[in-house]
C-alpha atoms as a PDB file:
ATOM      1  CA  MET A   1      -0.164   0.136   0.060  1.00  0.00           C
ATOM      2  CA  ARG A   2       1.313   3.500  -1.168  1.00  0.00           C
ATOM      3  CA  PRO A   3       1.322   6.397   1.971  1.00  0.00           C
ATOM      4  CA  ASN A   4      -1.110   8.922   1.131  1.00  0.00           C
ATOM      5  CA  ASN A   5       0.629  12.031  -0.273  1.00  0.00           C
ATOM      6  CA  THR A   6      -2.272  14.071  -1.275  1.00  0.00           C
ATOM      7  CA  GLU A   7      -3.090  15.707   2.152  1.00  0.00           C
ATOM      8  CA  PRO A   8      -0.535  17.885   2.742  1.00  0.00           C
ATOM      9  CA  ASN A   9      -1.088  18.994  -1.215  1.00  0.00           C
ATOM     10  CA  LYS A  10      -4.800  19.351  -0.497  1.00  0.00           C
ATOM     11  CA  GLN A  11      -3.605  21.933   2.485  1.00  0.00           C
ATOM     12  CA  GLY A  12      -1.960  23.864   0.306  1.00  0.00           C
ATOM     13  CA  ILE A  13      -4.437  24.338  -2.507  1.00  0.00           C
ATOM     14  CA  ALA A  14      -6.803  25.207  -0.228  1.00  0.00           C
ATOM     15  CA  ASN A  15      -4.686  27.775   1.581  1.00  0.00           C
ATOM     16  CA  PHE A  16      -3.481  29.294  -1.887  1.00  0.00           C
ATOM     17  CA  ALA A  17      -7.284  29.697  -2.519  1.00  0.00           C
ATOM     18  CA  ALA A  18      -8.448  31.419   1.001  1.00  0.00           C
ATOM     19  CA  LEU A  19      -5.236  33.482   0.334  1.00  0.00           C
ATOM     20  CA  LYS A  20      -6.304  34.364  -3.315  1.00  0.00           C
ATOM     21  CA  THR A  21      -9.882  35.138  -1.713  1.00  0.00           C
ATOM     22  CA  ALA A  22      -8.674  37.295   1.169  1.00  0.00           C
ATOM     23  CA  ILE A  23      -6.076  39.096  -1.335  1.00  0.00           C
ATOM     24  CA  VAL A  24      -9.252  40.649  -3.693  1.00  0.00           C
ATOM     25  CA  ASN A  25     -11.993  41.173  -0.929  1.00  0.00           C
ATOM     26  CA  GLY A  26      -8.655  43.573   0.890  1.00  0.00           C
ATOM     27  CA  GLU A  27      -8.678  41.542   4.252  1.00  0.00           C
ATOM     28  CA  GLU A  28      -5.778  42.545   5.458  1.00  0.00           C
ATOM     29  CA  GLN A  29      -5.594  40.884   8.598  1.00  0.00           C
ATOM     30  CA  LEU A  30      -6.363  37.540   7.216  1.00  0.00           C
ATOM     31  CA  VAL A  31      -3.753  37.814   4.501  1.00  0.00           C
ATOM     32  CA  THR A  32      -1.378  38.311   7.952  1.00  0.00           C
ATOM     33  CA  GLU A  33      -2.562  35.026   9.042  1.00  0.00           C
ATOM     34  CA  LEU A  34      -2.539  32.611   5.995  1.00  0.00           C
ATOM     35  CA  LEU A  35       1.348  34.015   5.251  1.00  0.00           C
ATOM     36  CA  THR A  36       2.997  32.391   7.469  1.00  0.00           C
ATOM     37  CA  ASN A  37       6.807  33.513   6.236  1.00  0.00           C
ATOM     38  CA  GLN A  38       6.943  29.658   4.196  1.00  0.00           C
ATOM     39  CA  PRO A  39       8.721  30.185   1.544  1.00  0.00           C
ATOM     40  CA  MET A  40       6.797  30.567  -1.690  1.00  0.00           C
ATOM     41  CA  GLN A  41       7.419  29.803  -5.903  1.00  0.00           C
ATOM     42  CA  GLU A  42       8.061  32.978  -7.595  1.00  0.00           C
ATOM     43  CA  LEU A  43       5.693  32.346 -10.153  1.00  0.00           C
ATOM     44  CA  GLU A  44       2.637  32.358  -7.035  1.00  0.00           C
ATOM     45  CA  LYS A  45       4.244  34.667  -5.486  1.00  0.00           C
ATOM     46  CA  SER A  46       4.226  36.806  -8.646  1.00  0.00           C
ATOM     47  CA  TYR A  47       0.924  36.073  -9.612  1.00  0.00           C
ATOM     48  CA  LEU A  48      -0.462  36.920  -5.667  1.00  0.00           C
ATOM     49  CA  ILE A  49       1.033  40.533  -5.834  1.00  0.00           C
ATOM     50  CA  ASP A  50      -0.652  41.113  -9.730  1.00  0.00           C
ATOM     51  CA  LEU A  51      -3.737  40.442  -7.775  1.00  0.00           C
ATOM     52  CA  ALA A  52      -3.287  43.245  -4.884  1.00  0.00           C
ATOM     53  CA  LYS A  53      -2.130  45.472  -6.907  1.00  0.00           C
ATOM     54  CA  LEU A  54      -5.389  45.271  -8.811  1.00  0.00           C
ATOM     55  CA  ASN A  55      -6.659  46.651  -6.100  1.00  0.00           C
ATOM     56  CA  ASN A  56      -4.191  48.502  -5.194  1.00  0.00           C
ATOM     57  CA  ASN A  57      -3.835  47.902  -1.848  1.00  0.00           C
ATOM     58  CA  ARG A  58      -0.210  49.085  -0.511  1.00  0.00           C
ATOM     59  CA  THR A  59      -0.637  47.249   2.469  1.00  0.00           C
ATOM     60  CA  ILE A  60      -1.040  43.822   1.361  1.00  0.00           C
ATOM     61  CA  ILE A  61       1.297  44.483  -1.702  1.00  0.00           C
ATOM     62  CA  LYS A  62       3.759  44.991   0.397  1.00  0.00           C
ATOM     63  CA  LEU A  63       3.209  41.794   2.820  1.00  0.00           C
ATOM     64  CA  LEU A  64       3.591  39.892  -0.217  1.00  0.00           C
ATOM     65  CA  GLU A  65       6.503  41.485  -1.487  1.00  0.00           C
ATOM     66  CA  ASP A  66       8.226  40.254   2.039  1.00  0.00           C
ATOM     67  CA  ILE A  67       7.304  36.989   1.810  1.00  0.00           C
ATOM     68  CA  PRO A  68      11.286  34.752   0.587  1.00  0.00           C
ATOM     69  CA  LEU A  69      11.085  32.874  -2.218  1.00  0.00           C
ATOM     70  CA  LYS A  70      11.826  29.129  -2.465  1.00  0.00           C
ATOM     71  CA  LYS A  71      15.281  28.055  -3.643  1.00  0.00           C
END
């Protein structure tokens, strides 16, 4: 039997979806809570920053820009 390795991925996808929703809704506190200072892929980070720029929310943009990139 193979181990179930999909659970962490599902959690990551759910967290990313929640993060996108919080950014679109301008929920700065929730964005802060969802960003756990874990490194993020460059493509994901860039996408989220572009999303935040659509709402012109400087606080959320700054929070996202401060997230380290995965190497």
